[in-house]
Amino acid sequence: MSTLRNRRGILGAAGVLGFLVLVEALGRLGVIDPEIIPLVSTVLVTTVEIAFEGEFLSNVGNTLLACLIGLVIAIATAVPAGLLLGTVPVVERSVRPLVEFLRPIPSVSLIPLAMFLFTESQDAKIALIVYTCAWPLLINTMYGLSDVDPQAKQTLRSFGFGGMSIVLRVSLPSAAPFIATGIRIALSVTLIVAVSVELIAGGGGGIGNFLSLASGANRIDRMLAGTIWAGLIGLAANALFMAGERRLFHWHQGSTS
């Protein structure tokens, strides 16, 4: 399994490297105008340079702080809500129409409303992150509870355990891998939402604000460099979480492979 994963990683890296070499060659040959799209080498040099700029690092910290706060709030609210909806059918049937109505609404379309409700752009950013992350957490928690072995719950009932004890001893541990998947999905969209709000709302700092200023100054190399760092941060966060997920829930992955 690890050999296959390493082979895929090598092939993926080779594909990215080949694409970058091709774009660099097209720029050198004049097929792509370097004034419009800078050379790959220029963008890579700028990518390294901005990593040592205090202003850029401050913007990155601003974005990551909002992502972390929003994700923690989403977990603290959506997971208990999912446990409630997944264990009390009456509540689930009552709330399901509202969930199905709100879930498809794109978070980006709510940016004007968030800016109206929250005077601080950071608060609006966090609110939209919470809104976006809550849905995969809620749905995955409910789905995980539906996958719990009913015999295990019935066994605890026969020994006199109450509903809350069954949830804590059987339902929640069984649903934990699904909740972790929901967190990973939410993690992948936090950065997208945060940067989108920063780009549209403006002010308040953040990677999106850095990209907006670079675009306004016609520094396409800095804009692309900031975009690269945003992608790398998202890729690193996902890789770290997946590594932790595999380590914690190797028993679940082994049983479903």
Protein backbone atom coordinates (compact mmCIF):
# COMPACT_ATOMS: atom_id res chain seq x y z
CA MET A 1 0.00 0.00 0.00
CA SER A 2 2.80 2.40 0.92
CA THR A 3 4.65 1.51 -2.32
CA LEU A 4 1.57 2.35 -4.38
CA ARG A 5 1.15 5.62 -2.47
CA ASN A 6 4.81 6.54 -3.07
CA ARG A 7 4.48 5.73 -6.77
CA ARG A 8 1.44 7.96 -7.07
CA GLY A 9 3.29 10.75 -5.28
CA ILE A 10 6.27 10.46 -7.64
CA LEU A 11 4.01 10.46 -10.71
CA GLY A 12 2.11 13.47 -9.38
CA ALA A 13 5.31 15.40 -8.69
CA ALA A 14 6.59 14.53 -12.17
CA GLY A 15 3.37 15.81 -13.71
CA VAL A 16 3.57 19.12 -11.85
CA LEU A 17 7.26 19.53 -12.74
CA GLY A 18 6.56 18.77 -16.39
CA PHE A 19 3.76 21.35 -16.48
CA LEU A 20 5.99 24.03 -14.93
CA VAL A 21 8.80 23.30 -17.40
CA LEU A 22 6.34 23.52 -20.30
CA VAL A 23 4.95 26.88 -19.15
CA GLU A 24 8.49 28.22 -18.60
CA ALA A 25 9.48 27.11 -22.10
CA LEU A 26 6.40 28.72 -23.66
CA GLY A 27 7.24 31.97 -21.88
CA ARG A 28 10.88 31.87 -23.02
CA LEU A 29 9.81 31.21 -26.61
CA GLY A 30 7.34 34.10 -26.56
CA VAL A 31 4.25 31.94 -27.00
CA ILE A 32 3.03 33.30 -23.65
CA ASP A 33 3.62 37.00 -23.05
CA PRO A 34 5.72 37.36 -19.86
CA GLU A 35 4.17 40.79 -19.35
CA ILE A 36 0.78 39.12 -18.91
CA ILE A 37 1.82 35.84 -17.30
CA PRO A 38 5.26 36.01 -15.64
CA LEU A 39 7.80 33.27 -16.18
CA VAL A 40 7.58 30.32 -13.83
CA SER A 41 11.11 31.02 -12.64
CA THR A 42 10.15 34.61 -11.77
CA VAL A 43 7.09 33.46 -9.84
CA LEU A 44 9.09 30.82 -7.94
CA VAL A 45 11.73 33.37 -6.93
CA THR A 46 8.98 35.72 -5.71
CA THR A 47 7.37 32.83 -3.84
CA VAL A 48 10.58 32.33 -1.87
CA GLU A 49 11.05 36.06 -1.31
CA ILE A 50 7.61 36.78 0.16
CA ALA A 51 8.05 33.92 2.63
CA PHE A 52 10.51 36.18 4.45
CA GLU A 53 8.35 39.31 4.35
CA GLY A 54 6.81 40.21 7.68
CA GLU A 55 3.73 41.70 6.04
CA PHE A 56 2.97 38.53 4.12
CA LEU A 57 3.53 36.32 7.17
CA SER A 58 1.20 38.56 9.15
CA ASN A 59 -1.47 38.13 6.46
CA VAL A 60 -1.02 34.36 6.51
CA GLY A 61 -1.35 34.34 10.29
CA ASN A 62 -4.52 36.41 10.06
CA THR A 63 -6.10 33.94 7.65
CA LEU A 64 -5.01 30.84 9.55
CA LEU A 65 -6.28 32.25 12.85
CA ALA A 66 -9.73 32.84 11.36
CA CYS A 67 -9.70 29.33 9.87
CA LEU A 68 -8.75 27.75 13.20
CA ILE A 69 -11.34 29.68 15.23
CA GLY A 70 -14.09 29.01 12.69
CA LEU A 71 -13.29 25.29 12.46
CA VAL A 72 -13.22 24.87 16.26
CA ILE A 73 -16.58 26.63 16.64
CA ALA A 74 -18.05 24.52 13.82
CA ILE A 75 -16.87 21.29 15.47
CA ALA A 76 -18.17 22.39 18.88
CA THR A 77 -21.64 23.14 17.47
CA ALA A 78 -22.18 20.79 14.50
CA VAL A 79 -20.99 17.55 16.10
CA PRO A 80 -23.34 17.80 19.13
CA ALA A 81 -26.15 18.84 16.76
CA GLY A 82 -25.40 15.80 14.61
CA LEU A 83 -25.47 13.57 17.68
CA LEU A 84 -28.86 14.99 18.63
CA LEU A 85 -30.35 14.62 15.16
CA GLY A 86 -28.84 11.17 14.72
CA THR A 87 -30.20 9.79 17.98
CA VAL A 88 -33.60 11.47 18.25
CA PRO A 89 -35.65 10.66 15.11
CA VAL A 90 -38.41 13.15 15.93
CA VAL A 91 -35.97 16.04 16.05
CA GLU A 92 -34.25 14.83 12.86
CA ARG A 93 -37.54 14.70 10.94
CA SER A 94 -38.47 18.17 12.17
CA VAL A 95 -35.17 19.80 11.28
CA ARG A 96 -34.37 17.90 8.07
CA PRO A 97 -36.31 20.27 5.72
CA LEU A 98 -34.44 23.29 7.13
CA VAL A 99 -31.10 21.50 6.78
CA GLU A 100 -31.82 20.51 3.18
CA PHE A 101 -32.81 24.11 2.39
CA LEU A 102 -29.78 25.81 3.95
CA ARG A 103 -27.08 23.29 3.02
CA PRO A 104 -26.93 24.02 -0.75
CA ILE A 105 -26.66 27.80 -0.29
CA PRO A 106 -23.11 28.84 -1.35
CA SER A 107 -21.25 30.57 1.45
CA VAL A 108 -19.85 33.13 -1.01
CA SER A 109 -23.38 34.36 -1.73
CA LEU A 110 -23.76 35.17 1.97
CA ILE A 111 -20.73 37.46 2.14
CA PRO A 112 -22.79 40.68 1.71
CA LEU A 113 -25.15 39.53 4.48
CA ALA A 114 -22.24 38.66 6.75
CA MET A 115 -20.63 42.05 6.15
CA PHE A 116 -23.95 43.71 7.03
CA LEU A 117 -24.37 41.73 10.24
CA PHE A 118 -20.75 41.97 11.41
CA THR A 119 -18.89 45.26 11.42
CA GLU A 120 -15.48 43.57 11.66
CA SER A 121 -14.37 41.66 8.56
CA GLN A 122 -12.63 39.09 10.77
CA ASP A 123 -15.94 38.30 12.49
CA ALA A 124 -17.72 37.99 9.15
CA LYS A 125 -14.97 35.68 7.93
CA ILE A 126 -15.24 33.44 10.98
CA ALA A 127 -19.04 33.34 10.76
CA LEU A 128 -18.96 32.18 7.15
CA ILE A 129 -16.30 29.58 7.93
CA VAL A 130 -18.51 28.21 10.70
CA TYR A 131 -21.51 28.13 8.35
CA THR A 132 -19.60 26.32 5.61
CA CYS A 133 -17.81 23.82 7.86
CA ALA A 134 -20.92 22.95 9.85
CA TRP A 135 -22.61 21.03 7.03
CA PRO A 136 -20.04 18.29 6.35
CA LEU A 137 -19.58 17.87 10.10
CA LEU A 138 -23.31 17.62 10.72
CA ILE A 139 -24.03 15.23 7.84
CA ASN A 140 -21.03 12.98 8.55
CA THR A 141 -21.91 12.77 12.23
CA MET A 142 -25.48 11.75 11.40
CA TYR A 143 -24.26 9.26 8.80
CA GLY A 144 -21.77 7.79 11.27
CA LEU A 145 -24.51 7.27 13.85
CA SER A 146 -26.66 5.44 11.30
CA ASP A 147 -23.75 3.02 10.76
CA VAL A 148 -23.52 2.05 14.44
CA ASP A 149 -24.12 -1.65 15.13
CA PRO A 150 -27.65 -1.86 16.61
CA GLN A 151 -26.73 -5.07 18.43
CA ALA A 152 -24.06 -3.24 20.42
CA LYS A 153 -26.59 -0.61 21.50
CA GLN A 154 -29.13 -3.27 22.40
CA THR A 155 -26.53 -5.07 24.49
CA LEU A 156 -25.91 -1.96 26.58
CA ARG A 157 -29.64 -1.41 26.99
CA SER A 158 -30.01 -4.96 28.29
CA PHE A 159 -27.42 -4.13 30.96
CA GLY A 160 -29.41 -1.09 32.06
CA PHE A 161 -27.44 1.70 30.39
CA GLY A 162 -29.39 4.82 29.49
CA GLY A 163 -29.51 6.72 26.22
CA MET A 164 -26.68 9.13 27.01
CA SER A 165 -24.39 6.30 28.17
CA ILE A 166 -25.06 4.43 24.92
CA VAL A 167 -24.22 7.52 22.88
CA LEU A 168 -20.96 8.11 24.75
CA ARG A 169 -19.87 4.45 24.98
CA VAL A 170 -20.97 3.08 21.58
CA SER A 171 -22.41 5.63 19.16
CA LEU A 172 -19.78 8.37 19.46
CA PRO A 173 -16.72 6.04 19.26
CA SER A 174 -18.26 4.20 16.28
CA ALA A 175 -19.06 7.46 14.51
CA ALA A 176 -15.63 8.99 15.26
CA PRO A 177 -14.04 7.99 11.90
CA PHE A 178 -16.96 9.57 10.03
CA ILE A 179 -16.67 12.71 12.14
CA ALA A 180 -12.96 12.82 11.33
CA THR A 181 -13.82 12.63 7.64
CA GLY A 182 -16.22 15.53 8.13
CA ILE A 183 -13.46 17.54 9.82
CA ARG A 184 -11.10 16.79 6.91
CA ILE A 185 -13.70 17.96 4.39
CA ALA A 186 -14.36 21.09 6.45
CA LEU A 187 -10.62 21.72 6.74
CA SER A 188 -10.31 21.70 2.96
CA VAL A 189 -12.88 24.49 2.53
CA THR A 190 -11.91 26.78 5.40
CA LEU A 191 -9.05 28.37 3.48
CA ILE A 192 -11.22 28.81 0.38
CA VAL A 193 -13.93 30.61 2.33
CA ALA A 194 -11.48 32.77 4.28
CA VAL A 195 -9.59 33.94 1.18
CA SER A 196 -12.87 34.54 -0.70
CA VAL A 197 -14.16 36.79 2.06
CA GLU A 198 -10.85 38.66 2.19
CA LEU A 199 -10.89 39.20 -1.57
CA ILE A 200 -14.48 40.44 -1.73
CA ALA A 201 -14.78 42.28 1.56
CA GLY A 202 -11.29 43.80 1.55
CA GLY A 203 -9.45 45.18 4.56
CA GLY A 204 -8.71 43.30 7.72
CA GLY A 205 -5.61 41.62 6.34
CA GLY A 206 -5.27 38.03 5.24
CA ILE A 207 -4.00 36.19 2.17
CA GLY A 208 -6.95 37.44 0.12
CA ASN A 209 -6.10 41.04 1.01
CA PHE A 210 -2.48 40.41 -0.01
CA LEU A 211 -3.65 39.04 -3.38
CA SER A 212 -5.97 42.00 -3.90
CA LEU A 213 -3.20 44.53 -3.21
CA ALA A 214 -0.78 42.68 -5.48
CA SER A 215 -3.34 42.64 -8.27
CA GLY A 216 -4.06 46.36 -7.83
CA ALA A 217 -0.33 47.10 -8.09
CA ASN A 218 -0.12 44.96 -11.25
CA ARG A 219 2.33 42.63 -9.50
CA ILE A 220 1.09 39.41 -11.07
CA ASP A 221 4.18 37.57 -9.83
CA ARG A 222 3.35 38.42 -6.22
CA MET A 223 -0.29 37.52 -6.75
CA LEU A 224 0.63 34.12 -8.17
CA ALA A 225 3.22 33.61 -5.43
CA GLY A 226 0.59 34.29 -2.76
CA THR A 227 -1.75 31.86 -4.51
CA ILE A 228 0.97 29.20 -4.50
CA TRP A 229 1.50 29.63 -0.77
CA ALA A 230 -2.25 29.37 -0.15
CA GLY A 231 -2.29 26.09 -2.09
CA LEU A 232 0.76 24.76 -0.26
CA ILE A 233 -0.74 25.62 3.13
CA GLY A 234 -3.97 23.85 2.24
CA LEU A 235 -2.07 20.84 0.89
CA ALA A 236 0.11 20.61 4.01
CA ALA A 237 -2.85 20.91 6.37
CA ASN A 238 -4.74 18.16 4.53
CA ALA A 239 -1.69 15.88 4.45
CA LEU A 240 -1.03 16.30 8.18
CA PHE A 241 -4.65 15.64 9.08
CA MET A 242 -4.84 12.57 6.83
CA ALA A 243 -1.67 11.19 8.45
CA GLY A 244 -3.20 11.67 11.90
CA GLU A 245 -6.50 10.19 10.72
CA ARG A 246 -4.79 7.06 9.38
CA ARG A 247 -2.88 6.67 12.63
CA LEU A 248 -5.90 7.10 14.90
CA PHE A 249 -8.42 5.12 12.85
CA HIS A 250 -6.25 2.50 11.16
CA TRP A 251 -8.63 -0.16 12.48
CA HIS A 252 -11.56 1.43 10.63
CA GLN A 253 -9.66 1.85 7.37
CA GLY A 254 -8.41 -1.69 7.58
CA SER A 255 -11.94 -3.03 8.04
CA THR A 256 -13.30 -1.10 5.05
CA SER A 257 -10.44 -1.84 2.62
